[in-house]
Amino acid sequence: MSGDTTEQAVRIATPDGAELAGRLVLPPDGRSPAVAVVLHGATGVPRDYYARFATWLAGARDAAVLTYDYRDFGASAAGPVTRSDATMAVWGVVDQAAALDHLCDRFPEAEIWVIGHSLGGMCLPFHANAGRVARLIAVASGPAHWTKHPWSYMPSVIAFWFLLGPLATLLCGYLPGRLLGLGADLPKGVFWQWRRWCVSRRFYRVDWGRSMPHPVPERMTGAVTLVGIQDDQMMPPERVRRLADFYPAATIRHQVITPADAGAKAIGHLRVFAERNARAWPLLLDGVA
């Protein structure tokens, strides 16, 4: 594609008064977008991590691509993390819906896509505008459970959910992700709800009708591609396949990306959107006309 993409800073208002910091990448040469995409990030992964991918997608598909940070995190942080009352449900239900609504309002005539990384792929049935979505590409996303990881990964799982994670969060008043080598600090409410989901065999169903509304799975009738990463120990491809249960009205396609596909020795849970694995990016669009 010739020309350069352009970027705009956007502010996304949520119904409960929060404001999310977003970045919109537009197609090269002022072309009208053929498709508008919102990228919902993974837990603890800032929007800037997805910037190179968003720029590539805008150029490769003449797309408008919206990235943003959840409330009280990254560029959307409004104060000390210890003051945050954010939860996983708020990030997934309220903030993701606000970003999707913003995109639909901005591009009322465009075909709407959602690309969801981990948490980003799980909550579309809760969003009022899910019926506008023609395509969901959910990457490394699915109903996790602490017993459903490779045995080699279990020491890290046990430490995070039952030892270091709870203790550090109780002591600090937030999850000190930087201290624990996880990359980012998280609000305590995010950690505790994330933990509750991952130690329950019902996963986030445990909070439906409580801290979360009941989803409306029939809203999403478009195409859903469930992308597993072969060497992802945090969300093995088998768990990604289980996400199909939450999209019963959609047309489901399963896909697994290997490190060899990216020309890499390893990808894991987080690195498929890293620029060094850009060879894998077109594979995320496999089967997309």
C-alpha atoms as a PDB file:
ATOM      1  CA  MET A   1       0.000   0.000   0.000  1.00  0.00           C
ATOM      2  CA  SER A   2       1.295   3.471  -0.843  1.00  0.00           C
ATOM      3  CA  GLY A   3       1.185   6.461   1.461  1.00  0.00           C
ATOM      4  CA  ASP A   4       1.270   6.757   5.205  1.00  0.00           C
ATOM      5  CA  THR A   5      -1.401   6.085   7.760  1.00  0.00           C
ATOM      6  CA  THR A   6      -2.499   8.899  10.040  1.00  0.00           C
ATOM      7  CA  GLU A   7      -3.189   8.811  13.768  1.00  0.00           C
ATOM      8  CA  GLN A   8      -5.648  10.680  15.944  1.00  0.00           C
ATOM      9  CA  ALA A   9      -5.896  10.795  19.722  1.00  0.00           C
ATOM     10  CA  VAL A  10      -9.434  10.086  20.898  1.00  0.00           C
ATOM     11  CA  ARG A  11     -11.156  10.179  24.267  1.00  0.00           C
ATOM     12  CA  ILE A  12     -13.791   7.534  24.911  1.00  0.00           C
ATOM     13  CA  ALA A  13     -16.459   8.340  27.500  1.00  0.00           C
ATOM     14  CA  THR A  14     -18.016   5.461  29.424  1.00  0.00           C
ATOM     15  CA  PRO A  15     -21.602   5.543  30.769  1.00  0.00           C
ATOM     16  CA  ASP A  16     -20.369   5.660  34.372  1.00  0.00           C
ATOM     17  CA  GLY A  17     -18.162   8.710  33.867  1.00  0.00           C
ATOM     18  CA  ALA A  18     -14.733   7.268  33.153  1.00  0.00           C
ATOM     19  CA  GLU A  19     -12.676   8.434  30.187  1.00  0.00           C
ATOM     20  CA  LEU A  20     -10.471   6.088  28.185  1.00  0.00           C
ATOM     21  CA  ALA A  21      -7.442   7.224  26.215  1.00  0.00           C
ATOM     22  CA  GLY A  22      -7.589   5.892  22.671  1.00  0.00           C
ATOM     23  CA  ARG A  23      -5.630   6.119  19.475  1.00  0.00           C
ATOM     24  CA  LEU A  24      -7.266   5.848  16.050  1.00  0.00           C
ATOM     25  CA  VAL A  25      -5.151   4.881  13.037  1.00  0.00           C
ATOM     26  CA  LEU A  26      -6.667   5.769   9.661  1.00  0.00           C
ATOM     27  CA  PRO A  27      -5.902   4.361   6.192  1.00  0.00           C
ATOM     28  CA  PRO A  28      -3.182   5.845   3.992  1.00  0.00           C
ATOM     29  CA  ASP A  29      -3.717   8.796   1.671  1.00  0.00           C
ATOM     30  CA  GLY A  30      -6.961   9.867   3.310  1.00  0.00           C
ATOM     31  CA  ARG A  31      -8.850   6.874   1.932  1.00  0.00           C
ATOM     32  CA  SER A  32     -12.187   6.075   3.512  1.00  0.00           C
ATOM     33  CA  PRO A  33     -11.928   2.965   5.690  1.00  0.00           C
ATOM     34  CA  ALA A  34     -13.306  -0.219   4.200  1.00  0.00           C
ATOM     35  CA  VAL A  35     -13.614  -1.632   7.695  1.00  0.00           C
ATOM     36  CA  ALA A  36     -13.466  -0.203  11.225  1.00  0.00           C
ATOM     37  CA  VAL A  37     -11.707  -2.282  13.880  1.00  0.00           C
ATOM     38  CA  VAL A  38     -11.547  -1.972  17.646  1.00  0.00           C
ATOM     39  CA  LEU A  39      -8.739  -3.864  19.336  1.00  0.00           C
ATOM     40  CA  HIS A  40      -9.513  -4.881  22.930  1.00  0.00           C
ATOM     41  CA  GLY A  41      -6.241  -5.591  24.698  1.00  0.00           C
ATOM     42  CA  ALA A  42      -5.213  -8.311  27.107  1.00  0.00           C
ATOM     43  CA  THR A  43      -5.103  -7.807  30.866  1.00  0.00           C
ATOM     44  CA  GLY A  44      -2.113  -5.689  31.802  1.00  0.00           C
ATOM     45  CA  VAL A  45      -1.051  -4.996  28.203  1.00  0.00           C
ATOM     46  CA  PRO A  46      -1.023  -1.288  27.247  1.00  0.00           C
ATOM     47  CA  ARG A  47      -2.413   0.011  23.984  1.00  0.00           C
ATOM     48  CA  ASP A  48       1.053   1.085  22.801  1.00  0.00           C
ATOM     49  CA  TYR A  49       2.041  -2.569  22.534  1.00  0.00           C
ATOM     50  CA  TYR A  50      -0.480  -2.944  19.702  1.00  0.00           C
ATOM     51  CA  ALA A  51       0.535   0.243  17.853  1.00  0.00           C
ATOM     52  CA  ARG A  52       2.671  -1.398  15.154  1.00  0.00           C
ATOM     53  CA  PHE A  53       0.017  -4.017  14.472  1.00  0.00           C
ATOM     54  CA  ALA A  54      -2.672  -1.335  14.242  1.00  0.00           C
ATOM     55  CA  THR A  55      -0.600   0.639  11.740  1.00  0.00           C
ATOM     56  CA  TRP A  56       0.033  -2.489   9.666  1.00  0.00           C
ATOM     57  CA  LEU A  57      -3.665  -3.412   9.688  1.00  0.00           C
ATOM     58  CA  ALA A  58      -4.728   0.100   8.695  1.00  0.00           C
ATOM     59  CA  GLY A  59      -2.465  -0.052   5.655  1.00  0.00           C
ATOM     60  CA  ALA A  60      -3.026  -3.682   4.719  1.00  0.00           C
ATOM     61  CA  ARG A  61      -6.829  -3.568   4.860  1.00  0.00           C
ATOM     62  CA  ASP A  62      -7.673   0.145   4.436  1.00  0.00           C
ATOM     63  CA  ALA A  63      -8.951  -0.057   8.006  1.00  0.00           C
ATOM     64  CA  ALA A  64      -9.620   2.443  10.759  1.00  0.00           C
ATOM     65  CA  VAL A  65      -8.139   0.807  13.852  1.00  0.00           C
ATOM     66  CA  LEU A  66      -8.933   1.914  17.405  1.00  0.00           C
ATOM     67  CA  THR A  67      -6.694   0.947  20.318  1.00  0.00           C
ATOM     68  CA  TYR A  68      -7.138   2.180  23.881  1.00  0.00           C
ATOM     69  CA  ASP A  69      -6.324   1.486  27.522  1.00  0.00           C
ATOM     70  CA  TYR A  70      -8.819   0.282  30.087  1.00  0.00           C
ATOM     71  CA  ARG A  71      -9.649   2.664  32.919  1.00  0.00           C
ATOM     72  CA  ASP A  72      -7.039   3.241  35.635  1.00  0.00           C
ATOM     73  CA  PHE A  73      -4.379   1.642  33.458  1.00  0.00           C
ATOM     74  CA  GLY A  74      -1.771   2.837  30.979  1.00  0.00           C
ATOM     75  CA  ALA A  75      -2.652   6.113  29.251  1.00  0.00           C
ATOM     76  CA  SER A  76      -6.128   5.982  30.850  1.00  0.00           C
ATOM     77  CA  ALA A  77      -4.748   6.100  34.404  1.00  0.00           C
ATOM     78  CA  ALA A  78      -6.267   9.027  36.285  1.00  0.00           C
ATOM     79  CA  GLY A  79      -4.470   8.620  39.619  1.00  0.00           C
ATOM     80  CA  PRO A  80      -2.680   6.139  41.867  1.00  0.00           C
ATOM     81  CA  VAL A  81      -3.598   2.526  41.173  1.00  0.00           C
ATOM     82  CA  THR A  82      -4.358   2.074  44.876  1.00  0.00           C
ATOM     83  CA  ARG A  83      -7.421   4.314  44.474  1.00  0.00           C
ATOM     84  CA  SER A  84      -8.893   2.322  41.601  1.00  0.00           C
ATOM     85  CA  ASP A  85     -12.119   0.372  42.019  1.00  0.00           C
ATOM     86  CA  ALA A  86     -11.842  -1.196  38.548  1.00  0.00           C
ATOM     87  CA  THR A  87     -12.574  -4.891  38.091  1.00  0.00           C
ATOM     88  CA  MET A  88     -12.214  -7.350  35.241  1.00  0.00           C
ATOM     89  CA  ALA A  89     -15.979  -7.090  34.690  1.00  0.00           C
ATOM     90  CA  VAL A  90     -15.794  -3.300  34.387  1.00  0.00           C
ATOM     91  CA  TRP A  91     -12.935  -3.566  31.907  1.00  0.00           C
ATOM     92  CA  GLY A  92     -14.607  -6.285  29.855  1.00  0.00           C
ATOM     93  CA  VAL A  93     -18.241  -5.207  29.994  1.00  0.00           C
ATOM     94  CA  VAL A  94     -18.251  -1.416  30.410  1.00  0.00           C
ATOM     95  CA  ASP A  95     -14.960  -0.244  28.908  1.00  0.00           C
ATOM     96  CA  GLN A  96     -14.944  -2.614  25.950  1.00  0.00           C
ATOM     97  CA  ALA A  97     -18.567  -1.738  25.160  1.00  0.00           C
ATOM     98  CA  ALA A  98     -17.752   1.983  25.292  1.00  0.00           C
ATOM     99  CA  ALA A  99     -14.882   1.520  22.829  1.00  0.00           C
ATOM    100  CA  LEU A 100     -17.096  -0.484  20.466  1.00  0.00           C
ATOM    101  CA  ASP A 101     -19.859   2.115  20.736  1.00  0.00           C
ATOM    102  CA  HIS A 102     -17.362   4.872  19.942  1.00  0.00           C
ATOM    103  CA  LEU A 103     -16.240   3.046  16.808  1.00  0.00           C
ATOM    104  CA  CYS A 104     -19.812   2.369  15.659  1.00  0.00           C
ATOM    105  CA  ASP A 105     -20.765   6.016  16.166  1.00  0.00           C
ATOM    106  CA  ARG A 106     -17.673   7.267  14.346  1.00  0.00           C
ATOM    107  CA  PHE A 107     -18.121   4.926  11.358  1.00  0.00           C
ATOM    108  CA  PRO A 108     -21.862   4.247  11.046  1.00  0.00           C
ATOM    109  CA  GLU A 109     -21.587   2.908   7.480  1.00  0.00           C
ATOM    110  CA  ALA A 110     -18.463   0.788   7.893  1.00  0.00           C
ATOM    111  CA  GLU A 111     -18.219  -2.939   8.449  1.00  0.00           C
ATOM    112  CA  ILE A 112     -17.246  -3.408  12.099  1.00  0.00           C
ATOM    113  CA  TRP A 113     -14.620  -5.859  13.320  1.00  0.00           C
ATOM    114  CA  VAL A 114     -13.408  -6.661  16.817  1.00  0.00           C
ATOM    115  CA  ILE A 115      -9.955  -8.072  17.481  1.00  0.00           C
ATOM    116  CA  GLY A 116      -9.715  -9.287  21.057  1.00  0.00           C
ATOM    117  CA  HIS A 117      -6.536 -10.428  22.783  1.00  0.00           C
ATOM    118  CA  SER A 118      -7.166 -12.695  25.809  1.00  0.00           C
ATOM    119  CA  LEU A 119      -9.712 -10.733  27.935  1.00  0.00           C
ATOM    120  CA  GLY A 120     -10.455  -8.784  24.767  1.00  0.00           C
ATOM    121  CA  GLY A 121     -12.169 -11.709  23.058  1.00  0.00           C
ATOM    122  CA  MET A 122     -14.457 -12.896  25.839  1.00  0.00           C
ATOM    123  CA  CYS A 123     -17.026 -10.188  26.473  1.00  0.00           C
ATOM    124  CA  LEU A 124     -18.690  -9.314  23.161  1.00  0.00           C
ATOM    125  CA  PRO A 125     -21.985 -11.058  24.163  1.00  0.00           C
ATOM    126  CA  PHE A 126     -22.344  -8.412  26.899  1.00  0.00           C
ATOM    127  CA  HIS A 127     -22.144  -5.479  24.457  1.00  0.00           C
ATOM    128  CA  ALA A 128     -25.265  -3.828  23.047  1.00  0.00           C
ATOM    129  CA  ASN A 129     -23.581  -3.220  19.680  1.00  0.00           C
ATOM    130  CA  ALA A 130     -22.492  -6.841  19.234  1.00  0.00           C
ATOM    131  CA  GLY A 131     -25.072  -7.126  16.470  1.00  0.00           C
ATOM    132  CA  ARG A 132     -23.098  -4.569  14.430  1.00  0.00           C
ATOM    133  CA  VAL A 133     -19.986  -6.727  14.513  1.00  0.00           C
ATOM    134  CA  ALA A 134     -19.369  -8.619  11.286  1.00  0.00           C
ATOM    135  CA  ARG A 135     -16.237 -10.362  12.514  1.00  0.00           C
ATOM    136  CA  LEU A 136     -14.545 -11.182  15.804  1.00  0.00           C
ATOM    137  CA  ILE A 137     -10.952 -12.408  15.805  1.00  0.00           C
ATOM    138  CA  ALA A 138     -10.270 -13.681  19.331  1.00  0.00           C
ATOM    139  CA  VAL A 139      -6.579 -14.359  19.951  1.00  0.00           C
ATOM    140  CA  ALA A 140      -5.386 -16.482  22.891  1.00  0.00           C
ATOM    141  CA  SER A 141      -8.795 -16.005  24.493  1.00  0.00           C
ATOM    142  CA  GLY A 142     -10.912 -18.527  26.355  1.00  0.00           C
ATOM    143  CA  PRO A 143     -12.287 -19.785  29.665  1.00  0.00           C
ATOM    144  CA  ALA A 144      -9.202 -20.370  31.781  1.00  0.00           C
ATOM    145  CA  HIS A 145      -8.919 -22.664  34.808  1.00  0.00           C
ATOM    146  CA  TRP A 146      -5.868 -23.034  36.975  1.00  0.00           C
ATOM    147  CA  THR A 147      -5.717 -26.818  36.471  1.00  0.00           C
ATOM    148  CA  LYS A 148      -5.816 -26.595  32.661  1.00  0.00           C
ATOM    149  CA  HIS A 149      -2.218 -25.632  31.996  1.00  0.00           C
ATOM    150  CA  PRO A 150       0.788 -27.754  31.007  1.00  0.00           C
ATOM    151  CA  TRP A 151       2.430 -29.386  34.022  1.00  0.00           C
ATOM    152  CA  SER A 152       5.647 -27.467  33.422  1.00  0.00           C
ATOM    153  CA  TYR A 153       3.728 -24.221  33.935  1.00  0.00           C
ATOM    154  CA  MET A 154       1.903 -25.275  37.104  1.00  0.00           C
ATOM    155  CA  PRO A 155       4.483 -23.918  39.623  1.00  0.00           C
ATOM    156  CA  SER A 156       3.999 -20.430  38.169  1.00  0.00           C
ATOM    157  CA  VAL A 157       0.208 -20.827  38.217  1.00  0.00           C
ATOM    158  CA  ILE A 158       0.114 -21.963  41.846  1.00  0.00           C
ATOM    159  CA  ALA A 159       2.449 -19.182  42.926  1.00  0.00           C
ATOM    160  CA  PHE A 160       0.422 -16.510  41.130  1.00  0.00           C
ATOM    161  CA  TRP A 161      -3.084 -17.509  42.216  1.00  0.00           C
ATOM    162  CA  PHE A 162      -2.421 -18.967  45.670  1.00  0.00           C
ATOM    163  CA  LEU A 163       0.807 -17.501  47.021  1.00  0.00           C
ATOM    164  CA  LEU A 164       2.598 -14.434  45.648  1.00  0.00           C
ATOM    165  CA  GLY A 165      -0.372 -12.853  43.866  1.00  0.00           C
ATOM    166  CA  PRO A 166      -2.764 -12.747  46.851  1.00  0.00           C
ATOM    167  CA  LEU A 167      -0.059 -11.896  49.371  1.00  0.00           C
ATOM    168  CA  ALA A 168       1.412  -9.069  47.299  1.00  0.00           C
ATOM    169  CA  THR A 169      -2.032  -7.627  46.532  1.00  0.00           C
ATOM    170  CA  LEU A 170      -3.035  -7.679  50.200  1.00  0.00           C
ATOM    171  CA  LEU A 171       0.204  -6.015  51.262  1.00  0.00           C
ATOM    172  CA  CYS A 172       0.344  -3.358  48.528  1.00  0.00           C
ATOM    173  CA  GLY A 173      -3.333  -2.616  47.929  1.00  0.00           C
ATOM    174  CA  TYR A 174      -2.835  -3.443  44.225  1.00  0.00           C
ATOM    175  CA  LEU A 175      -1.146  -6.208  42.235  1.00  0.00           C
ATOM    176  CA  PRO A 176       2.506  -5.092  41.898  1.00  0.00           C
ATOM    177  CA  GLY A 177       2.993  -6.599  38.486  1.00  0.00           C
ATOM    178  CA  ARG A 178       6.267  -4.799  37.852  1.00  0.00           C
ATOM    179  CA  LEU A 179       7.726  -6.192  41.066  1.00  0.00           C
ATOM    180  CA  LEU A 180       6.522  -9.690  40.230  1.00  0.00           C
ATOM    181  CA  GLY A 181       7.917  -9.584  36.708  1.00  0.00           C
ATOM    182  CA  LEU A 182       4.491  -9.370  35.050  1.00  0.00           C
ATOM    183  CA  GLY A 183       5.114  -6.059  33.320  1.00  0.00           C
ATOM    184  CA  ALA A 184       2.351  -3.862  34.735  1.00  0.00           C
ATOM    185  CA  ASP A 185       0.678  -3.011  38.033  1.00  0.00           C
ATOM    186  CA  LEU A 186      -3.039  -3.781  38.215  1.00  0.00           C
ATOM    187  CA  PRO A 187      -5.908  -2.559  40.416  1.00  0.00           C
ATOM    188  CA  LYS A 188      -6.692  -4.925  43.265  1.00  0.00           C
ATOM    189  CA  GLY A 189     -10.250  -5.453  42.049  1.00  0.00           C
ATOM    190  CA  VAL A 190      -8.943  -6.619  38.676  1.00  0.00           C
ATOM    191  CA  PHE A 191      -6.667  -9.180  40.322  1.00  0.00           C
ATOM    192  CA  TRP A 192      -9.254 -10.552  42.751  1.00  0.00           C
ATOM    193  CA  GLN A 193     -11.948 -11.008  40.113  1.00  0.00           C
ATOM    194  CA  TRP A 194      -9.474 -12.435  37.618  1.00  0.00           C
ATOM    195  CA  ARG A 195      -8.410 -14.910  40.307  1.00  0.00           C
ATOM    196  CA  ARG A 196     -12.022 -15.849  41.129  1.00  0.00           C
ATOM    197  CA  TRP A 197     -12.727 -16.621  37.485  1.00  0.00           C
ATOM    198  CA  CYS A 198      -9.597 -18.711  37.019  1.00  0.00           C
ATOM    199  CA  VAL A 199     -10.057 -20.835  40.156  1.00  0.00           C
ATOM    200  CA  SER A 200     -13.733 -21.513  39.368  1.00  0.00           C
ATOM    201  CA  ARG A 201     -14.705 -24.233  36.897  1.00  0.00           C
ATOM    202  CA  ARG A 202     -17.550 -21.938  35.854  1.00  0.00           C
ATOM    203  CA  PHE A 203     -15.011 -19.245  34.936  1.00  0.00           C
ATOM    204  CA  TYR A 204     -16.745 -15.855  34.568  1.00  0.00           C
ATOM    205  CA  ARG A 205     -20.171 -17.481  34.727  1.00  0.00           C
ATOM    206  CA  VAL A 206     -19.644 -17.313  38.499  1.00  0.00           C
ATOM    207  CA  ASP A 207     -20.337 -13.542  38.337  1.00  0.00           C
ATOM    208  CA  TRP A 208     -23.216 -13.476  35.842  1.00  0.00           C
ATOM    209  CA  GLY A 209     -26.209 -11.795  37.426  1.00  0.00           C
ATOM    210  CA  ARG A 210     -23.972 -10.498  40.215  1.00  0.00           C
ATOM    211  CA  SER A 211     -21.102  -8.165  39.349  1.00  0.00           C
ATOM    212  CA  MET A 212     -21.790  -8.798  35.654  1.00  0.00           C
ATOM    213  CA  PRO A 213     -25.041  -8.726  33.701  1.00  0.00           C
ATOM    214  CA  HIS A 214     -26.183 -11.852  31.936  1.00  0.00           C
ATOM    215  CA  PRO A 215     -24.802 -11.966  28.378  1.00  0.00           C
ATOM    216  CA  VAL A 216     -26.947 -12.153  25.271  1.00  0.00           C
ATOM    217  CA  PRO A 217     -25.007 -14.671  23.141  1.00  0.00           C
ATOM    218  CA  GLU A 218     -27.463 -14.415  20.240  1.00  0.00           C
ATOM    219  CA  ARG A 219     -26.350 -10.839  19.568  1.00  0.00           C
ATOM    220  CA  MET A 220     -23.204 -12.014  17.791  1.00  0.00           C
ATOM    221  CA  THR A 221     -24.285 -13.648  14.540  1.00  0.00           C
ATOM    222  CA  GLY A 222     -21.215 -12.781  12.507  1.00  0.00           C
ATOM    223  CA  ALA A 223     -18.005 -14.711  11.885  1.00  0.00           C
ATOM    224  CA  VAL A 224     -15.769 -15.657  14.813  1.00  0.00           C
ATOM    225  CA  THR A 225     -12.175 -16.832  14.362  1.00  0.00           C
ATOM    226  CA  LEU A 226     -10.685 -18.406  17.493  1.00  0.00           C
ATOM    227  CA  VAL A 227      -6.902 -18.214  17.273  1.00  0.00           C
ATOM    228  CA  GLY A 228      -4.792 -20.355  19.583  1.00  0.00           C
ATOM    229  CA  ILE A 229      -1.017 -20.082  19.890  1.00  0.00           C
ATOM    230  CA  GLN A 230       0.657 -23.482  19.867  1.00  0.00           C
ATOM    231  CA  ASP A 231       3.152 -22.747  22.668  1.00  0.00           C
ATOM    232  CA  ASP A 232       0.803 -20.634  24.813  1.00  0.00           C
ATOM    233  CA  GLN A 233       0.990 -22.148  28.297  1.00  0.00           C
ATOM    234  CA  MET A 234      -1.298 -19.541  29.831  1.00  0.00           C
ATOM    235  CA  MET A 235      -4.150 -20.130  27.368  1.00  0.00           C
ATOM    236  CA  PRO A 236      -3.509 -23.433  25.562  1.00  0.00           C
ATOM    237  CA  PRO A 237      -5.266 -23.872  22.205  1.00  0.00           C
ATOM    238  CA  GLU A 238      -7.663 -26.410  23.738  1.00  0.00           C
ATOM    239  CA  ARG A 239      -9.025 -23.709  26.062  1.00  0.00           C
ATOM    240  CA  VAL A 240      -9.305 -21.279  23.143  1.00  0.00           C
ATOM    241  CA  ARG A 241     -11.553 -23.784  21.362  1.00  0.00           C
ATOM    242  CA  ARG A 242     -13.884 -23.718  24.377  1.00  0.00           C
ATOM    243  CA  LEU A 243     -14.674 -20.059  23.737  1.00  0.00           C
ATOM    244  CA  ALA A 244     -16.961 -21.264  20.938  1.00  0.00           C
ATOM    245  CA  ASP A 245     -19.477 -22.210  23.652  1.00  0.00           C
ATOM    246  CA  PHE A 246     -20.054 -18.504  24.299  1.00  0.00           C
ATOM    247  CA  TYR A 247     -20.839 -17.662  20.647  1.00  0.00           C
ATOM    248  CA  PRO A 248     -23.590 -20.168  19.744  1.00  0.00           C
ATOM    249  CA  ALA A 249     -25.151 -18.000  17.009  1.00  0.00           C
ATOM    250  CA  ALA A 250     -21.880 -17.180  15.253  1.00  0.00           C
ATOM    251  CA  THR A 251     -20.034 -18.967  12.456  1.00  0.00           C
ATOM    252  CA  ILE A 252     -16.939 -20.381  14.175  1.00  0.00           C
ATOM    253  CA  ARG A 253     -13.538 -21.017  12.656  1.00  0.00           C
ATOM    254  CA  HIS A 254     -10.620 -22.472  14.636  1.00  0.00           C
ATOM    255  CA  GLN A 255      -6.976 -21.711  13.934  1.00  0.00           C
ATOM    256  CA  VAL A 256      -3.635 -22.439  15.609  1.00  0.00           C
ATOM    257  CA  ILE A 257      -0.525 -20.360  14.940  1.00  0.00           C
ATOM    258  CA  THR A 258       2.873 -21.962  15.583  1.00  0.00           C
ATOM    259  CA  PRO A 259       6.180 -20.258  16.361  1.00  0.00           C
ATOM    260  CA  ALA A 260       7.450 -21.527  13.001  1.00  0.00           C
ATOM    261  CA  ASP A 261       4.654 -19.572  11.313  1.00  0.00           C
ATOM    262  CA  ALA A 262       6.195 -16.403  12.723  1.00  0.00           C
ATOM    263  CA  GLY A 263       9.783 -17.486  12.105  1.00  0.00           C
ATOM    264  CA  ALA A 264      10.275 -17.477  15.870  1.00  0.00           C
ATOM    265  CA  LYS A 265      11.471 -19.895  18.527  1.00  0.00           C
ATOM    266  CA  ALA A 266       8.567 -18.983  20.796  1.00  0.00           C
ATOM    267  CA  ILE A 267       5.456 -16.797  20.821  1.00  0.00           C
ATOM    268  CA  GLY A 268       3.567 -17.634  24.009  1.00  0.00           C
ATOM    269  CA  HIS A 269       0.501 -15.838  25.294  1.00  0.00           C
ATOM    270  CA  LEU A 270       1.440 -12.226  24.646  1.00  0.00           C
ATOM    271  CA  ARG A 271       3.930 -11.909  21.829  1.00  0.00           C
ATOM    272  CA  VAL A 272       1.916 -12.609  18.684  1.00  0.00           C
ATOM    273  CA  PHE A 273       1.275  -8.841  18.338  1.00  0.00           C
ATOM    274  CA  ALA A 274       4.964  -7.975  18.826  1.00  0.00           C
ATOM    275  CA  GLU A 275       6.644  -6.512  15.755  1.00  0.00           C
ATOM    276  CA  ARG A 276       9.265  -9.266  15.753  1.00  0.00           C
ATOM    277  CA  ASN A 277       6.434 -11.721  15.043  1.00  0.00           C
ATOM    278  CA  ALA A 278       4.921  -9.639  12.238  1.00  0.00           C
ATOM    279  CA  ARG A 279       5.153 -12.596   9.873  1.00  0.00           C
ATOM    280  CA  ALA A 280       2.240 -14.085  11.823  1.00  0.00           C
ATOM    281  CA  TRP A 281      -0.012 -11.030  11.484  1.00  0.00           C
ATOM    282  CA  PRO A 282      -1.471 -11.930   8.067  1.00  0.00           C
ATOM    283  CA  LEU A 283      -2.358 -15.346   9.518  1.00  0.00           C
ATOM    284  CA  LEU A 284      -4.760 -13.649  11.927  1.00  0.00           C
ATOM    285  CA  LEU A 285      -6.738 -12.628   8.852  1.00  0.00           C
ATOM    286  CA  ASP A 286      -6.670 -16.051   7.190  1.00  0.00           C
ATOM    287  CA  GLY A 287     -10.043 -16.838   5.736  1.00  0.00           C
ATOM    288  CA  VAL A 288     -11.084 -13.170   5.799  1.00  0.00           C
ATOM    289  CA  ALA A 289     -12.267 -11.997   2.395  1.00  0.00           C
END
